[in-house]
Structures are given as C-alpha cells and as structure tokens.
Amino acid sequence: MRSGNRFRVLPLVRLAFLSRDFPKSIGNGESMGGFGSGRWGWHSKKTTVEECRQLDVSRLYHEGVLAWGRRWVGAWQWTEARTGEKVSNIGLEADTTDRSHPFLRVFYTFTAGRNKGQSADYKIRLQTTALYFGGCRWWLTCPLVASGQPCGRRVGKLYLPAGALYFGCRHCYDLTYRSAQEHDPPGVGPDPAADD
C-alpha cells in the first residue's frame, strides 16, 4: 500500500529481439541511447522515511508518555530543524492502565494539502517485550489494513507520508531510507587499484 494513488499503468512497449551484434539503430532508422532513453524517464524514487512525519515509540517512552498504569493526554509537534518553526502537530492519548489492552490514540486535522479539512481519530495498539535485565521495550502495532488484511506488524516507528491519512509502518507504505537511494561518495567502496 503506497501513500496516495501513485500507481500508474505503464504504456505497452513493443519488444524487439536483438541479435548478438547489438545494432546502433533500430530497424526503422531511429538511434538508440539518445535523450530520454532508459528507464529513468518513467522511474520515480520511493518515498523515504525521512520525508514523513514519524511516531517514534522510543521517543514517546523517553519523554515520559509511556509507563505502565498511566494515562497521558497531550500534543506532539514537529518543527523545522533549521528555523524552529512549528510545522504540524497532533493530539495523543496514551492509556496503559489496562495491561491487556494498552493503546495510543492519535487525533489530528489536516490544515493543508489534498487532505485539507479531513480529520483522523484512531487507536494504535501498544505491545511490550521483556528485556533480559528487567523492564520492557515498548512497540507500536501498525493499524493499517491492506486488501482486507490488517498489517499488525510490531514496529518502533510509524510514518505518515505526504497525502496519506493514517500513520502506518514503512512496509505498508513501501518506504525506503534516504541512504538506500544515495550512491557511495568518491573514495568509498572497492578500490580498483587494489586488483593490481
């Protein structure tokens, strides 16, 4: 499930079987390898997790939002790192008073973009795992449903990509990391001179 409706149908392509002697032109006289050739004309990069709003269970824990037997209500806000300007915020309610059903309720209204004016209010199930030396680690459960099947993945972060209505895991939104889309800088990677 990708954020928004970014799927599209690719045009049908006429396949030509090429001989072992790769010709420099197609049978109709057109040259190959010119401007716009290759897949990059239609290929777009995946959305990265760095481009999304994030709910980080570790940060919620360290800010004192998550603790057993507690009910916390407040707001969470995102700011622009360079300017400190408030970018967006959401309301949160964490309820861990019932050990069998702890949850994080999120509620927000979109004030810009294609979802402007739409509101969301839903619960995200919380899970814990025991730590070897005592205590517990908190987890979020992905609340998204794709093709009638709930995701239910236990994750440390949930993401809200641009155009999406609900927070979900990176698997459901098919997100990647920025570092996975970057090439190695010069000097990193195999040394061609090492083969000598």
C-alpha atoms as a PDB file:
ATOM      1  CA  MET A   1       0.000   0.000   0.000  1.00  0.00           C
ATOM      2  CA  ARG A   2       1.668   3.218  -1.118  1.00  0.00           C
ATOM      3  CA  SER A   3       0.764   6.674   0.107  1.00  0.00           C
ATOM      4  CA  GLY A   4      -1.740   8.373  -2.132  1.00  0.00           C
ATOM      5  CA  ASN A   5      -2.653   6.983  -5.533  1.00  0.00           C
ATOM      6  CA  ARG A   6       0.757   6.994  -7.181  1.00  0.00           C
ATOM      7  CA  PHE A   7       0.348   3.756  -9.083  1.00  0.00           C
ATOM      8  CA  ARG A   8       0.014   4.110 -12.788  1.00  0.00           C
ATOM      9  CA  VAL A   9      -0.216   1.847 -15.782  1.00  0.00           C
ATOM     10  CA  LEU A  10       2.888   1.752 -17.920  1.00  0.00           C
ATOM     11  CA  PRO A  11       2.365   2.012 -21.673  1.00  0.00           C
ATOM     12  CA  LEU A  12       2.733  -1.164 -23.681  1.00  0.00           C
ATOM     13  CA  VAL A  13       6.160  -1.460 -25.249  1.00  0.00           C
ATOM     14  CA  ARG A  14       6.858  -3.303 -28.489  1.00  0.00           C
ATOM     15  CA  LEU A  15       9.590  -5.802 -27.763  1.00  0.00           C
ATOM     16  CA  ALA A  16      12.293  -6.383 -30.329  1.00  0.00           C
ATOM     17  CA  PHE A  17      14.668  -9.302 -30.134  1.00  0.00           C
ATOM     18  CA  LEU A  18      18.180  -8.108 -30.712  1.00  0.00           C
ATOM     19  CA  SER A  19      20.938 -10.122 -32.303  1.00  0.00           C
ATOM     20  CA  ARG A  20      24.255 -10.701 -30.533  1.00  0.00           C
ATOM     21  CA  ASP A  21      25.698  -7.896 -32.645  1.00  0.00           C
ATOM     22  CA  PHE A  22      23.879  -5.074 -30.874  1.00  0.00           C
ATOM     23  CA  PRO A  23      22.860  -2.591 -33.590  1.00  0.00           C
ATOM     24  CA  LYS A  24      23.316   1.145 -33.105  1.00  0.00           C
ATOM     25  CA  SER A  25      19.947   1.788 -34.647  1.00  0.00           C
ATOM     26  CA  ILE A  26      16.576   0.108 -34.600  1.00  0.00           C
ATOM     27  CA  GLY A  27      15.241  -1.330 -37.845  1.00  0.00           C
ATOM     28  CA  ASN A  28      13.266   1.835 -38.608  1.00  0.00           C
ATOM     29  CA  GLY A  29      16.418   4.026 -38.575  1.00  0.00           C
ATOM     30  CA  GLU A  30      15.974   5.567 -35.105  1.00  0.00           C
ATOM     31  CA  SER A  31      19.133   5.808 -32.997  1.00  0.00           C
ATOM     32  CA  MET A  32      19.300   4.160 -29.610  1.00  0.00           C
ATOM     33  CA  GLY A  33      20.689   5.623 -26.396  1.00  0.00           C
ATOM     34  CA  GLY A  34      19.650   9.206 -27.042  1.00  0.00           C
ATOM     35  CA  PHE A  35      17.895  11.696 -24.787  1.00  0.00           C
ATOM     36  CA  GLY A  36      15.191  10.072 -22.656  1.00  0.00           C
ATOM     37  CA  SER A  37      16.327   6.516 -23.303  1.00  0.00           C
ATOM     38  CA  GLY A  38      16.457   4.055 -20.465  1.00  0.00           C
ATOM     39  CA  ARG A  39      14.067   3.595 -17.601  1.00  0.00           C
ATOM     40  CA  TRP A  40      14.677   6.885 -15.810  1.00  0.00           C
ATOM     41  CA  GLY A  41      12.042   8.713 -17.822  1.00  0.00           C
ATOM     42  CA  TRP A  42       9.256   6.824 -16.085  1.00  0.00           C
ATOM     43  CA  HIS A  43      11.020   5.705 -12.924  1.00  0.00           C
ATOM     44  CA  SER A  44      10.442   7.649  -9.729  1.00  0.00           C
ATOM     45  CA  LYS A  45      12.209   7.122  -6.433  1.00  0.00           C
ATOM     46  CA  LYS A  46      10.368   5.677  -3.474  1.00  0.00           C
ATOM     47  CA  THR A  47       9.288   7.965  -0.679  1.00  0.00           C
ATOM     48  CA  THR A  48      11.813   7.909   2.142  1.00  0.00           C
ATOM     49  CA  VAL A  49      11.092   7.684   5.855  1.00  0.00           C
ATOM     50  CA  GLU A  50      12.948  10.987   6.262  1.00  0.00           C
ATOM     51  CA  GLU A  51      10.238  12.705   4.175  1.00  0.00           C
ATOM     52  CA  CYS A  52       7.458  11.533   6.523  1.00  0.00           C
ATOM     53  CA  ARG A  53       6.061  12.551   9.888  1.00  0.00           C
ATOM     54  CA  GLN A  54       7.138   9.909  12.416  1.00  0.00           C
ATOM     55  CA  LEU A  55       5.723   8.491  15.631  1.00  0.00           C
ATOM     56  CA  ASP A  56       8.724   7.047  17.456  1.00  0.00           C
ATOM     57  CA  VAL A  57       7.843   4.786  20.405  1.00  0.00           C
ATOM     58  CA  SER A  58      11.339   5.213  21.864  1.00  0.00           C
ATOM     59  CA  ARG A  59      10.939   8.976  21.927  1.00  0.00           C
ATOM     60  CA  LEU A  60       7.466   8.648  23.470  1.00  0.00           C
ATOM     61  CA  TYR A  61       8.963   6.461  26.199  1.00  0.00           C
ATOM     62  CA  HIS A  62      11.899   8.793  26.893  1.00  0.00           C
ATOM     63  CA  GLU A  63       9.556  11.807  27.040  1.00  0.00           C
ATOM     64  CA  GLY A  64       7.588  10.037  29.801  1.00  0.00           C
ATOM     65  CA  VAL A  65       4.463   9.360  27.746  1.00  0.00           C
ATOM     66  CA  LEU A  66       4.638   5.562  28.118  1.00  0.00           C
ATOM     67  CA  ALA A  67       4.704   3.870  31.525  1.00  0.00           C
ATOM     68  CA  TRP A  68       2.565   1.055  32.917  1.00  0.00           C
ATOM     69  CA  GLY A  69      -0.556   2.080  34.837  1.00  0.00           C
ATOM     70  CA  ARG A  70      -0.610   5.579  33.393  1.00  0.00           C
ATOM     71  CA  ARG A  71      -2.949   7.677  31.267  1.00  0.00           C
ATOM     72  CA  TRP A  72      -1.373  10.621  29.453  1.00  0.00           C
ATOM     73  CA  VAL A  73      -3.086  13.172  27.191  1.00  0.00           C
ATOM     74  CA  GLY A  74      -1.211  15.871  25.318  1.00  0.00           C
ATOM     75  CA  ALA A  75       0.068  17.066  21.961  1.00  0.00           C
ATOM     76  CA  TRP A  76       3.045  16.181  19.803  1.00  0.00           C
ATOM     77  CA  GLN A  77       4.521  18.700  17.410  1.00  0.00           C
ATOM     78  CA  TRP A  78       7.055  18.757  14.610  1.00  0.00           C
ATOM     79  CA  THR A  79       9.290  21.753  13.992  1.00  0.00           C
ATOM     80  CA  GLU A  80      11.505  22.789  11.127  1.00  0.00           C
ATOM     81  CA  ALA A  81      15.044  21.858  12.219  1.00  0.00           C
ATOM     82  CA  ARG A  82      16.716  24.930  10.687  1.00  0.00           C
ATOM     83  CA  THR A  83      14.248  27.631  11.756  1.00  0.00           C
ATOM     84  CA  GLY A  84      12.494  26.088  14.774  1.00  0.00           C
ATOM     85  CA  GLU A  85       9.157  26.966  13.145  1.00  0.00           C
ATOM     86  CA  LYS A  86       6.202  24.727  14.106  1.00  0.00           C
ATOM     87  CA  VAL A  87       5.287  22.613  11.078  1.00  0.00           C
ATOM     88  CA  SER A  88       2.455  20.406  12.378  1.00  0.00           C
ATOM     89  CA  ASN A  89       1.046  18.813  15.499  1.00  0.00           C
ATOM     90  CA  ILE A  90      -1.245  16.007  16.592  1.00  0.00           C
ATOM     91  CA  GLY A  91      -3.135  15.120  19.733  1.00  0.00           C
ATOM     92  CA  LEU A  92      -2.116  11.987  21.642  1.00  0.00           C
ATOM     93  CA  GLU A  93      -3.651   9.915  24.398  1.00  0.00           C
ATOM     94  CA  ALA A  94      -1.643   7.051  25.855  1.00  0.00           C
ATOM     95  CA  ASP A  95      -3.512   4.643  28.122  1.00  0.00           C
ATOM     96  CA  THR A  96      -1.585   1.811  29.770  1.00  0.00           C
ATOM     97  CA  THR A  97      -3.902   1.298  32.755  1.00  0.00           C
ATOM     98  CA  ASP A  98      -5.204  -1.994  31.319  1.00  0.00           C
ATOM     99  CA  ARG A  99      -2.169  -4.260  30.826  1.00  0.00           C
ATOM    100  CA  SER A 100      -4.054  -6.477  28.376  1.00  0.00           C
ATOM    101  CA  HIS A 101      -5.058  -3.599  26.048  1.00  0.00           C
ATOM    102  CA  PRO A 102      -2.619  -0.655  26.168  1.00  0.00           C
ATOM    103  CA  PHE A 103      -3.134   1.841  23.357  1.00  0.00           C
ATOM    104  CA  LEU A 104      -2.030   5.140  21.870  1.00  0.00           C
ATOM    105  CA  ARG A 105      -4.869   7.251  20.460  1.00  0.00           C
ATOM    106  CA  VAL A 106      -3.913   9.779  17.794  1.00  0.00           C
ATOM    107  CA  PHE A 107      -6.187  12.550  16.555  1.00  0.00           C
ATOM    108  CA  TYR A 108      -5.494  15.326  14.080  1.00  0.00           C
ATOM    109  CA  THR A 109      -6.995  17.504  11.369  1.00  0.00           C
ATOM    110  CA  PHE A 110      -5.184  18.282   8.133  1.00  0.00           C
ATOM    111  CA  THR A 111      -4.824  22.028   7.562  1.00  0.00           C
ATOM    112  CA  ALA A 112      -3.108  21.900   4.157  1.00  0.00           C
ATOM    113  CA  GLY A 113      -2.588  19.646   1.159  1.00  0.00           C
ATOM    114  CA  ARG A 114      -5.061  17.397  -0.577  1.00  0.00           C
ATOM    115  CA  ASN A 115      -6.461  16.120   2.759  1.00  0.00           C
ATOM    116  CA  LYS A 116      -7.204  19.665   3.987  1.00  0.00           C
ATOM    117  CA  GLY A 117     -10.161  19.670   6.376  1.00  0.00           C
ATOM    118  CA  GLN A 118     -10.157  15.894   6.930  1.00  0.00           C
ATOM    119  CA  SER A 119      -9.816  14.590  10.459  1.00  0.00           C
ATOM    120  CA  ALA A 120      -8.497  11.313  11.817  1.00  0.00           C
ATOM    121  CA  ASP A 121      -9.048   9.786  15.258  1.00  0.00           C
ATOM    122  CA  TYR A 122      -7.935   6.202  15.869  1.00  0.00           C
ATOM    123  CA  LYS A 123      -6.155   3.940  18.328  1.00  0.00           C
ATOM    124  CA  ILE A 124      -2.820   2.227  17.839  1.00  0.00           C
ATOM    125  CA  ARG A 125      -2.295  -0.888  19.919  1.00  0.00           C
ATOM    126  CA  LEU A 126       0.823  -0.900  22.091  1.00  0.00           C
ATOM    127  CA  GLN A 127       2.873  -4.036  22.763  1.00  0.00           C
ATOM    128  CA  THR A 128       5.793  -4.775  25.051  1.00  0.00           C
ATOM    129  CA  THR A 129       8.577  -7.312  25.131  1.00  0.00           C
ATOM    130  CA  ALA A 130      10.537  -8.222  28.257  1.00  0.00           C
ATOM    131  CA  LEU A 131      14.150  -7.123  28.454  1.00  0.00           C
ATOM    132  CA  TYR A 132      16.806  -9.570  29.640  1.00  0.00           C
ATOM    133  CA  PHE A 133      17.856  -7.450  32.630  1.00  0.00           C
ATOM    134  CA  GLY A 134      14.308  -6.439  33.589  1.00  0.00           C
ATOM    135  CA  GLY A 135      11.859  -3.841  32.394  1.00  0.00           C
ATOM    136  CA  CYS A 136      10.204  -3.828  28.982  1.00  0.00           C
ATOM    137  CA  ARG A 137      10.544  -2.421  25.498  1.00  0.00           C
ATOM    138  CA  TRP A 138       7.513  -0.678  24.014  1.00  0.00           C
ATOM    139  CA  TRP A 139       6.300  -1.264  20.444  1.00  0.00           C
ATOM    140  CA  LEU A 140       3.634   0.224  18.183  1.00  0.00           C
ATOM    141  CA  THR A 141       1.335  -2.043  16.168  1.00  0.00           C
ATOM    142  CA  CYS A 142       0.713  -0.945  12.572  1.00  0.00           C
ATOM    143  CA  PRO A 143      -3.001  -0.062  12.341  1.00  0.00           C
ATOM    144  CA  LEU A 144      -3.313  -0.187   8.540  1.00  0.00           C
ATOM    145  CA  VAL A 145      -5.481  -2.629   6.643  1.00  0.00           C
ATOM    146  CA  ALA A 146      -4.476  -3.561   3.093  1.00  0.00           C
ATOM    147  CA  SER A 147      -6.683  -5.718   0.850  1.00  0.00           C
ATOM    148  CA  GLY A 148      -8.877  -6.566   3.825  1.00  0.00           C
ATOM    149  CA  GLN A 149      -5.930  -7.872   5.869  1.00  0.00           C
ATOM    150  CA  PRO A 150      -4.707  -5.973   8.944  1.00  0.00           C
ATOM    151  CA  CYS A 151      -0.968  -5.434   8.959  1.00  0.00           C
ATOM    152  CA  GLY A 152      -0.397  -5.781  12.707  1.00  0.00           C
ATOM    153  CA  ARG A 153       3.421  -5.520  12.470  1.00  0.00           C
ATOM    154  CA  ARG A 154       5.212  -4.722  15.716  1.00  0.00           C
ATOM    155  CA  VAL A 155       7.388  -1.691  14.927  1.00  0.00           C
ATOM    156  CA  GLY A 156       9.346   1.035  16.647  1.00  0.00           C
ATOM    157  CA  LYS A 157       8.160   3.807  14.322  1.00  0.00           C
ATOM    158  CA  LEU A 158       5.047   4.611  12.336  1.00  0.00           C
ATOM    159  CA  TYR A 159       5.100   7.033   9.411  1.00  0.00           C
ATOM    160  CA  LEU A 160       2.675   9.482   7.807  1.00  0.00           C
ATOM    161  CA  PRO A 161       3.773  10.161   4.211  1.00  0.00           C
ATOM    162  CA  ALA A 162       2.522  13.216   2.346  1.00  0.00           C
ATOM    163  CA  GLY A 163      -1.017  12.574   1.093  1.00  0.00           C
ATOM    164  CA  ALA A 164      -1.700   9.640   3.460  1.00  0.00           C
ATOM    165  CA  LEU A 165      -4.483   9.790   6.052  1.00  0.00           C
ATOM    166  CA  TYR A 166      -3.128   7.416   8.709  1.00  0.00           C
ATOM    167  CA  PHE A 167       0.168   6.527  10.328  1.00  0.00           C
ATOM    168  CA  GLY A 168       1.480   3.133   9.211  1.00  0.00           C
ATOM    169  CA  CYS A 169       4.639   1.065   9.058  1.00  0.00           C
ATOM    170  CA  ARG A 170       7.249   1.535   6.345  1.00  0.00           C
ATOM    171  CA  HIS A 171       6.357  -1.855   4.855  1.00  0.00           C
ATOM    172  CA  CYS A 172       2.716  -0.912   4.241  1.00  0.00           C
ATOM    173  CA  TYR A 173       3.698   2.419   2.684  1.00  0.00           C
ATOM    174  CA  ASP A 174       6.631   0.856   0.783  1.00  0.00           C
ATOM    175  CA  LEU A 175       9.054   3.404   2.235  1.00  0.00           C
ATOM    176  CA  THR A 176      12.807   3.273   1.980  1.00  0.00           C
ATOM    177  CA  TYR A 177      15.702   5.081   3.650  1.00  0.00           C
ATOM    178  CA  ARG A 178      17.452   8.035   2.013  1.00  0.00           C
ATOM    179  CA  SER A 179      20.783   6.249   2.392  1.00  0.00           C
ATOM    180  CA  ALA A 180      19.482   3.389   0.232  1.00  0.00           C
ATOM    181  CA  GLN A 181      18.965   5.845  -2.648  1.00  0.00           C
ATOM    182  CA  GLU A 182      22.336   7.547  -2.454  1.00  0.00           C
ATOM    183  CA  HIS A 183      25.441   6.451  -4.288  1.00  0.00           C
ATOM    184  CA  ASP A 184      28.693   5.920  -2.464  1.00  0.00           C
ATOM    185  CA  PRO A 185      30.802   9.100  -2.354  1.00  0.00           C
ATOM    186  CA  PRO A 186      34.182   9.038  -4.106  1.00  0.00           C
ATOM    187  CA  GLY A 187      36.721   7.032  -2.156  1.00  0.00           C
ATOM    188  CA  VAL A 188      34.114   4.695  -0.626  1.00  0.00           C
ATOM    189  CA  GLY A 189      33.682   1.181  -1.912  1.00  0.00           C
ATOM    190  CA  PRO A 190      36.024  -1.200  -3.683  1.00  0.00           C
ATOM    191  CA  ASP A 191      39.384   0.234  -4.691  1.00  0.00           C
ATOM    192  CA  PRO A 192      40.005  -0.500  -8.396  1.00  0.00           C
ATOM    193  CA  ALA A 193      43.760  -0.147  -7.829  1.00  0.00           C
ATOM    194  CA  ALA A 194      43.665  -2.969  -5.273  1.00  0.00           C
ATOM    195  CA  ASP A 195      43.213  -5.521  -8.078  1.00  0.00           C
ATOM    196  CA  ASP A 196      46.782  -4.932  -9.315  1.00  0.00           C
END
